[in-house]
Protein backbone atom coordinates (compact mmCIF):
# COMPACT_ATOMS: atom_id res chain seq x y z
CA MET A 1 189.35 91.18 115.86
CA SER A 2 187.91 88.80 118.47
CA ASP A 3 190.16 86.60 120.58
CA ILE A 4 191.20 83.21 119.26
CA PHE A 5 189.55 80.39 121.20
CA THR A 6 192.07 78.22 123.07
CA ASN A 7 190.24 77.47 126.32
CA PHE A 8 189.61 73.76 125.78
CA PRO A 9 188.90 71.29 128.59
CA ALA A 10 191.97 69.33 129.69
CA GLY A 11 190.87 66.14 127.91
CA LEU A 12 190.89 67.64 124.41
CA GLN A 13 194.11 68.66 122.68
CA LEU A 14 194.61 69.93 119.13
CA TRP A 15 197.26 68.34 116.96
CA PRO A 16 200.30 70.59 116.35
CA GLN A 17 199.56 70.68 112.60
CA ALA A 18 196.05 71.98 113.37
CA ARG A 19 197.33 75.05 115.19
CA ILE A 20 197.38 77.26 112.07
CA ARG A 21 193.70 76.70 111.26
CA SER A 22 192.86 77.00 114.95
CA ARG A 23 193.41 80.75 114.58
CA ASN A 24 189.93 80.76 113.03
CA LEU A 25 188.37 79.33 116.20
CA HIS A 26 186.33 81.86 118.18
CA GLU A 27 183.81 81.54 120.97
CA GLY A 28 180.26 81.65 119.67
CA TYR A 29 177.25 79.71 118.46
CA ASN A 30 175.31 78.91 115.32
CA PHE A 31 171.93 77.32 114.78
CA SER A 32 169.75 75.83 112.06
CA LEU A 33 166.50 73.94 111.65
CA LEU A 34 166.77 70.29 112.60
CA GLU A 35 166.66 67.98 109.59
CA ASN A 36 163.11 66.89 108.68
CA SER A 37 161.63 69.46 111.06
CA SER A 38 159.82 72.75 110.54
CA ASP A 39 159.90 74.04 114.11
CA THR A 40 162.87 72.53 115.98
CA TYR A 41 166.34 74.04 116.01
CA HIS A 42 169.79 72.58 116.57
CA PHE A 43 172.36 74.85 118.26
CA SER A 44 176.14 74.33 118.48
CA VAL A 45 178.06 76.37 121.05
CA LEU A 46 181.83 76.72 121.40
CA ALA A 47 182.73 78.10 124.83
CA GLY A 48 185.23 77.59 127.64
CA PRO A 49 184.54 75.38 130.70
CA SER A 50 183.40 78.14 133.08
CA HIS A 51 181.19 79.67 130.41
CA VAL A 52 179.66 76.28 129.60
CA ARG A 53 178.67 75.79 133.21
CA THR A 54 176.91 79.17 133.33
CA ILE A 55 175.01 78.42 130.12
CA PHE A 56 174.18 74.90 131.33
CA ASP A 57 172.81 76.13 134.67
CA GLU A 58 170.75 78.91 133.07
CA PHE A 59 169.22 76.51 130.54
CA ALA A 60 168.41 74.07 133.36
CA GLU A 61 166.58 76.85 135.24
CA ASN A 62 164.23 77.27 132.27
CA MET A 63 163.44 73.56 132.05
CA PRO A 64 160.34 72.02 133.64
CA GLU A 65 160.49 70.77 137.21
CA GLU A 66 161.47 67.32 135.98
CA ALA A 67 164.05 66.17 133.43
CA PHE A 68 166.30 63.20 132.78
CA PHE A 69 170.09 63.11 132.82
CA ILE A 70 172.10 61.81 129.86
CA LEU A 71 175.54 60.26 130.33
CA GLU A 72 177.76 59.06 127.50
CA PHE A 73 181.17 57.43 127.96
CA TYR A 74 183.43 54.79 126.46
CA THR A 75 183.50 51.41 128.17
CA THR A 76 186.92 50.88 126.58
CA GLU A 77 189.36 53.57 125.54
CA PRO A 78 189.70 53.96 121.75
CA ASN A 79 192.85 52.34 120.39
CA ALA A 80 194.65 53.85 117.40
CA LYS A 81 195.51 50.33 116.17
CA GLU A 82 191.86 49.28 115.96
CA THR A 83 190.27 49.48 112.51
CA GLU A 84 186.86 50.44 113.91
CA THR A 85 186.43 53.23 116.43
CA PRO A 86 184.44 51.96 119.44
CA ALA A 87 181.18 53.75 120.13
CA PRO A 88 180.41 55.25 123.53
CA THR A 89 177.59 53.84 125.63
CA ILE A 90 174.62 56.09 126.39
CA HIS A 91 172.65 56.01 129.65
CA TYR A 92 169.45 57.83 130.64
CA SER A 93 168.16 58.48 134.13
CA PRO A 94 164.42 58.29 134.88
CA TYR A 95 162.55 61.59 134.97
CA MET A 96 163.30 63.23 138.31
CA PRO A 97 163.37 66.76 139.77
CA THR A 98 165.83 68.86 137.76
CA VAL A 99 167.15 70.46 140.95
CA GLU A 100 167.90 67.02 142.38
CA ILE A 101 169.86 66.04 139.26
CA LEU A 102 171.95 69.21 139.47
CA GLU A 103 172.70 68.56 143.14
CA ILE A 104 173.82 64.98 142.44
CA ILE A 105 176.11 65.86 139.52
CA ALA A 106 177.64 68.93 141.23
CA PRO A 107 180.57 67.00 142.87
CA TYR A 108 181.29 65.35 139.49
CA TRP A 109 181.00 68.47 137.35
CA ASP A 110 184.70 69.22 136.78
CA ARG A 111 185.47 65.58 135.98
CA LEU A 112 182.57 65.35 133.53
CA MET A 113 183.64 68.62 131.94
CA HIS A 114 187.34 67.86 131.46
CA ASP A 115 187.47 64.13 130.67
CA GLY A 116 187.83 63.59 126.93
CA PHE A 117 185.87 60.35 126.94
CA VAL A 118 182.72 61.65 128.65
CA GLY A 119 179.63 63.55 127.51
CA PHE A 120 176.57 64.56 129.55
CA GLY A 121 173.34 66.52 129.36
CA LEU A 122 169.74 67.17 130.41
CA ALA A 123 166.50 66.71 128.52
CA ASN A 124 162.73 66.83 128.78
CA ASN A 125 160.98 65.35 125.76
CA ARG A 126 157.56 66.74 126.65
CA SER A 127 158.85 70.30 126.59
CA SER A 128 161.12 69.67 123.57
CA GLN A 129 164.28 70.74 125.37
CA GLU A 130 167.65 69.03 125.33
CA MET A 131 171.21 70.16 125.96
CA PHE A 132 174.27 67.98 125.71
CA TYR A 133 177.98 68.59 126.25
CA SER A 134 179.62 65.89 124.16
CA GLU A 135 182.98 64.18 124.47
CA GLU A 136 183.93 66.48 121.57
CA LYS A 137 183.47 69.30 124.09
CA VAL A 138 180.85 71.09 122.04
CA LEU A 139 177.63 72.19 123.73
CA THR A 140 174.55 71.35 121.67
CA PHE A 141 170.89 72.21 122.14
CA PHE A 142 167.64 71.03 120.60
CA THR A 143 164.68 73.31 121.17
CA ASP A 144 161.51 74.60 119.53
CA ASN A 145 161.93 77.96 121.27
CA HIS A 146 165.04 79.29 119.55
CA LEU A 147 164.28 82.92 120.44
CA ARG A 148 164.49 82.19 124.17
CA LEU A 149 167.81 80.39 123.71
CA THR A 150 169.35 83.08 121.49
CA ASN A 151 168.33 85.65 124.11
CA GLN A 152 169.90 83.56 126.87
CA LEU A 153 173.16 83.19 124.91
CA ALA A 154 173.22 86.93 124.24
CA LYS A 155 172.88 87.61 127.99
CA SER A 156 175.78 85.19 128.54
CA ARG A 157 177.77 87.23 125.99
CA VAL A 158 178.19 84.35 123.56
CA PRO A 159 178.13 85.88 120.06
CA HIS A 160 176.16 84.48 117.15
CA ARG A 161 178.53 83.32 114.40
CA PRO A 162 176.71 81.89 111.34
CA ASP A 163 180.06 80.65 109.98
CA LEU A 164 181.21 79.20 113.31
CA LEU A 165 184.22 76.88 112.93
CA LEU A 166 184.42 74.02 115.41
CA HIS A 167 187.55 72.16 116.46
CA THR A 168 185.79 68.94 115.43
CA GLU A 169 186.86 69.89 111.90
CA LEU A 170 190.51 69.98 112.98
CA GLY A 171 192.85 67.18 114.03
CA HIS A 172 192.65 66.58 117.78
CA ASP A 173 193.07 63.95 120.49
CA HIS A 174 190.77 62.88 123.32
CA LEU A 175 192.45 62.17 126.65
CA SER A 176 191.07 60.66 129.82
CA LEU A 177 192.01 62.44 133.04
CA LEU A 178 194.27 59.52 134.02
CA CYS A 179 196.32 60.10 130.85
CA LEU A 180 197.33 63.56 132.05
CA GLU A 181 200.18 64.40 134.39
CA ARG A 182 199.03 65.92 137.67
CA GLU A 183 200.58 69.28 136.84
CA ASN A 184 198.57 69.39 133.60
CA LEU A 185 195.24 68.86 135.35
CA PRO A 186 193.05 71.85 136.24
CA GLU A 187 193.79 72.91 139.80
CA GLU A 188 190.36 71.81 141.02
CA LEU A 189 191.12 68.19 139.96
CA ARG A 190 194.64 67.75 141.35
CA GLY A 191 193.43 66.63 144.78
CA PHE A 192 191.45 63.64 143.45
CA SER A 193 192.81 60.10 143.72
CA ASP A 194 193.53 58.10 140.57
CA ARG A 195 190.43 56.03 141.31
CA ASP A 196 188.20 59.09 141.52
CA LEU A 197 189.71 60.46 138.29
CA ASP A 198 188.96 57.23 136.42
CA TYR A 199 185.93 57.99 134.24
CA ALA A 200 184.86 54.33 134.32
CA HIS A 201 184.61 54.64 138.11
CA PHE A 202 182.91 58.02 138.49
CA CYS A 203 180.51 57.38 135.61
CA ARG A 204 179.45 54.12 137.27
CA GLU A 205 178.88 56.02 140.50
CA LEU A 206 176.58 58.42 138.68
CA ILE A 207 174.73 55.56 137.00
CA ASP A 208 174.08 54.00 140.41
CA ARG A 209 173.09 57.25 142.10
CA LEU A 210 170.71 58.29 139.31
CA GLU A 211 169.47 54.73 138.61
CA MET A 212 170.38 55.13 134.95
CA TYR A 213 169.82 52.53 132.24
CA PRO A 214 171.64 51.95 128.92
CA VAL A 215 170.08 53.21 125.69
CA GLU A 216 171.17 52.21 122.20
CA GLU A 217 172.33 55.05 119.98
CA SER A 218 169.59 54.25 117.45
CA LEU A 219 167.08 55.15 120.19
CA SER A 220 168.34 58.71 120.56
CA PHE A 221 165.58 60.89 119.13
CA PHE A 222 163.90 64.25 119.52
CA PHE A 223 160.26 65.23 119.00
CA SER A 224 159.13 68.82 118.96
CA ARG A 225 156.32 70.10 121.16
CA LYS A 226 154.12 70.33 118.06
CA GLU A 227 154.80 66.66 117.23
CA GLN A 228 154.19 65.61 120.83
CA LYS A 229 150.86 67.46 120.74
CA MET A 230 149.93 65.74 117.49
CA ILE A 231 150.69 62.31 119.00
CA GLU A 232 148.72 63.21 122.13
CA GLU A 233 145.66 64.05 120.02
CA ILE A 234 145.96 60.77 118.10
CA LEU A 235 146.06 58.71 121.29
CA SER A 236 143.35 60.69 123.09
CA GLN A 237 140.87 59.85 120.31
CA HIS A 238 141.28 56.09 120.83
CA PRO A 239 139.25 54.72 123.79
CA ASP A 240 141.86 52.06 124.64
CA TYR A 241 144.86 54.37 124.40
CA GLU A 242 143.63 57.71 125.77
CA GLU A 243 145.22 56.95 129.17
CA PHE A 244 148.62 57.05 127.43
CA ALA A 245 147.95 60.36 125.65
CA GLU A 246 149.74 62.53 128.20
CA ASP A 247 152.69 60.16 128.58
CA ASP A 248 156.06 61.02 127.07
CA PHE A 249 155.91 59.31 123.67
CA GLY A 250 159.67 58.85 123.76
CA ALA A 251 159.24 56.84 126.96
CA LEU A 252 156.80 54.51 125.15
CA LEU A 253 159.42 53.89 122.45
CA LEU A 254 162.03 53.14 125.11
CA ASP A 255 159.59 50.86 126.96
CA TRP A 256 159.04 48.82 123.78
CA ASN A 257 162.79 48.50 123.31
CA GLU A 258 163.23 47.41 126.93
CA PHE A 259 160.48 44.80 126.52
CA VAL A 260 162.22 43.48 123.39
CA GLN A 261 165.53 43.26 125.24
CA GLU A 262 163.88 41.20 128.00
CA CYS A 263 162.32 38.90 125.41
CA CYS A 264 165.68 38.39 123.70
CA THR A 265 167.36 37.30 126.94
CA ASN A 266 164.79 35.66 129.20
CA PHE A 267 161.29 36.99 129.78
CA ASP A 268 160.35 36.30 133.40
CA GLY A 269 156.81 37.69 133.36
CA ASP A 270 153.50 35.90 132.90
CA LEU A 271 151.12 35.97 129.93
CA TRP A 272 149.34 39.11 131.15
CA GLU A 273 152.66 40.99 131.36
CA TYR A 274 153.64 39.67 127.94
CA ARG A 275 150.38 40.94 126.45
CA MET A 276 151.01 44.34 128.05
CA GLY A 277 154.32 44.45 126.19
CA LEU A 278 152.58 43.62 122.92
CA GLN A 279 150.03 46.35 123.64
CA LEU A 280 152.89 48.86 123.66
CA ARG A 281 153.55 47.95 120.03
CA ASP A 282 149.81 48.25 119.29
CA ILE A 283 149.92 51.82 120.58
CA LEU A 284 152.96 52.67 118.46
CA HIS A 285 151.30 51.09 115.41
CA HIS A 286 148.18 53.19 115.95
CA VAL A 287 150.26 56.38 116.03
CA LEU A 288 152.14 55.36 112.88
CA CYS A 289 148.89 54.75 110.99
CA ALA A 290 147.54 58.18 111.94
CA CYS A 291 150.59 60.40 111.35
CA GLU A 292 152.38 61.42 108.16
CA ASP A 293 155.95 62.02 107.05
CA PRO A 294 158.41 63.21 108.16
CA LEU A 295 157.26 62.24 111.68
CA LYS A 296 156.18 58.77 110.55
CA SER A 297 159.56 58.04 108.96
CA ARG A 298 161.41 59.16 112.08
CA ILE A 299 159.32 56.88 114.32
CA LEU A 300 159.84 53.96 111.92
CA GLU A 301 163.58 54.57 112.00
CA VAL A 302 163.60 54.37 115.80
CA LEU A 303 161.53 51.16 115.69
CA LYS A 304 163.58 49.48 112.97
CA GLU A 305 166.17 47.81 115.21
CA PRO A 306 163.95 46.63 118.12
CA ASP A 307 161.30 45.40 115.66
CA GLU A 308 163.86 43.31 113.79
CA LYS A 309 165.16 41.84 117.05
CA PHE A 310 161.63 40.90 118.08
CA ARG A 311 160.91 39.24 114.72
CA GLN A 312 164.01 37.10 115.14
CA THR A 313 163.02 35.87 118.59
CA LEU A 314 159.51 34.72 117.55
CA ILE A 315 158.82 31.02 117.00
CA ASP A 316 155.67 28.99 116.20
CA ASN A 317 154.77 31.63 113.61
CA ARG A 318 151.91 29.55 112.20
CA LYS A 319 149.80 30.53 115.21
CA ARG A 320 148.88 33.96 116.52
CA LEU A 321 148.53 35.23 120.06
CA ASP A 322 145.79 37.78 119.41
CA GLY A 323 143.89 38.68 122.54
CA PRO A 324 140.19 37.85 122.94
CA GLY A 325 138.01 40.26 121.01
CA THR A 326 140.95 41.94 119.26
CA SER A 327 141.10 42.52 115.54
CA THR A 328 144.65 42.45 114.18
CA THR A 329 146.19 41.68 110.80
CA GLU A 330 149.40 40.16 109.49
CA GLU A 331 150.81 43.67 109.71
CA HIS A 332 150.83 43.17 113.48
CA PHE A 333 153.85 40.84 113.26
CA TRP A 334 154.34 40.88 117.03
CA TYR A 335 151.36 38.52 117.39
CA ASN A 336 152.83 35.94 114.99
CA GLY A 337 153.98 33.20 117.37
CA VAL A 338 155.62 33.55 120.77
CA ILE A 339 159.13 34.35 121.91
CA ARG A 340 161.81 31.69 122.01
CA ASN A 341 163.05 32.62 125.49
CA ALA A 342 159.81 32.30 127.43
CA GLY A 343 160.32 31.94 131.18
CA HIS A 344 158.54 29.48 133.47
CA GLU A 345 155.49 31.68 134.16
CA LEU A 346 154.84 32.54 130.52
CA ARG A 347 155.23 28.89 129.45
CA ARG A 348 152.85 27.83 132.23
CA ASP A 349 150.20 30.35 131.15
CA LEU A 350 150.60 29.43 127.47
CA ILE A 351 150.02 25.76 128.34
CA ARG A 352 146.90 26.71 130.29
CA ASP A 353 145.81 28.85 127.35
CA GLY A 354 146.11 25.86 125.03
CA TRP A 355 149.02 27.29 123.02
CA TYR A 356 151.02 24.07 123.25
CA LYS A 357 151.04 20.90 125.25
CA PRO A 358 153.64 20.29 127.99
């Protein structure tokens, strides 16, 4: 019989009453097709801290030269008295050399690994590769090359267990490193100051060093290489959009969301920059019109929240801001009116354009 898995990071502790069922916990992995996908697989891996690092590093070696780092942590610690559990905040770095990311996170590795309120990972949307070590301390992968990953896990001596039981199904607590007594910390963490052990502090350091930006949970998505290729072909056949064909489509979705966020607060750009933001939504609309379910439904789901926010910030809906020579319809709601929070430059250009009088 294989050994019972007990090698959890310091920031995750099973409840005493869960100990009996925990005898069914064993190191291993399982995988299945991602929902609404025919070629992308979701892997779950249960392994100890040192094993996770080996798997993480080996997966990173097989990624393209560039990737982006994912960091997830709680801005406030969950409180048992609160009726609603707070959600962690998610941050992405820009695409940058994978080797550079690994070098930057190396001094933080043990803290990221052991803190019960922190999750982190690496991804490249164009190559359909993502790995993430969550605050639940489960290593997950999304990939369209499941044979390569199963081979890698076999070399790392992680067994395939179709009926893998995870501790997420058992009662457990999450602990920040500051909640633990020094003697209960892993030896490699005992020399850190309280400030350096504070996840709010070291996560902010990483955000600054990697120039990360916040991403709403609804904007977490995954497109397979086949889907990316399909989108690339759609865009390459449109004379106005072919220059975007080789871009990461996920980045276009994030750019639209960022534009909407700016419009909801205070848009400081001029009319040309505003039109460029609207063109992003034109591009996304063109892709939606050309693709079919389930891809279409997944894109619409990602767009649902930012689209609704943009609708709510539009005023003067009786007029449209269609560009010269463009042919749009009522379906292009983003041209119905202008945003409420227009900055000085946009208001100036709209006055010059005859939109409204000063």
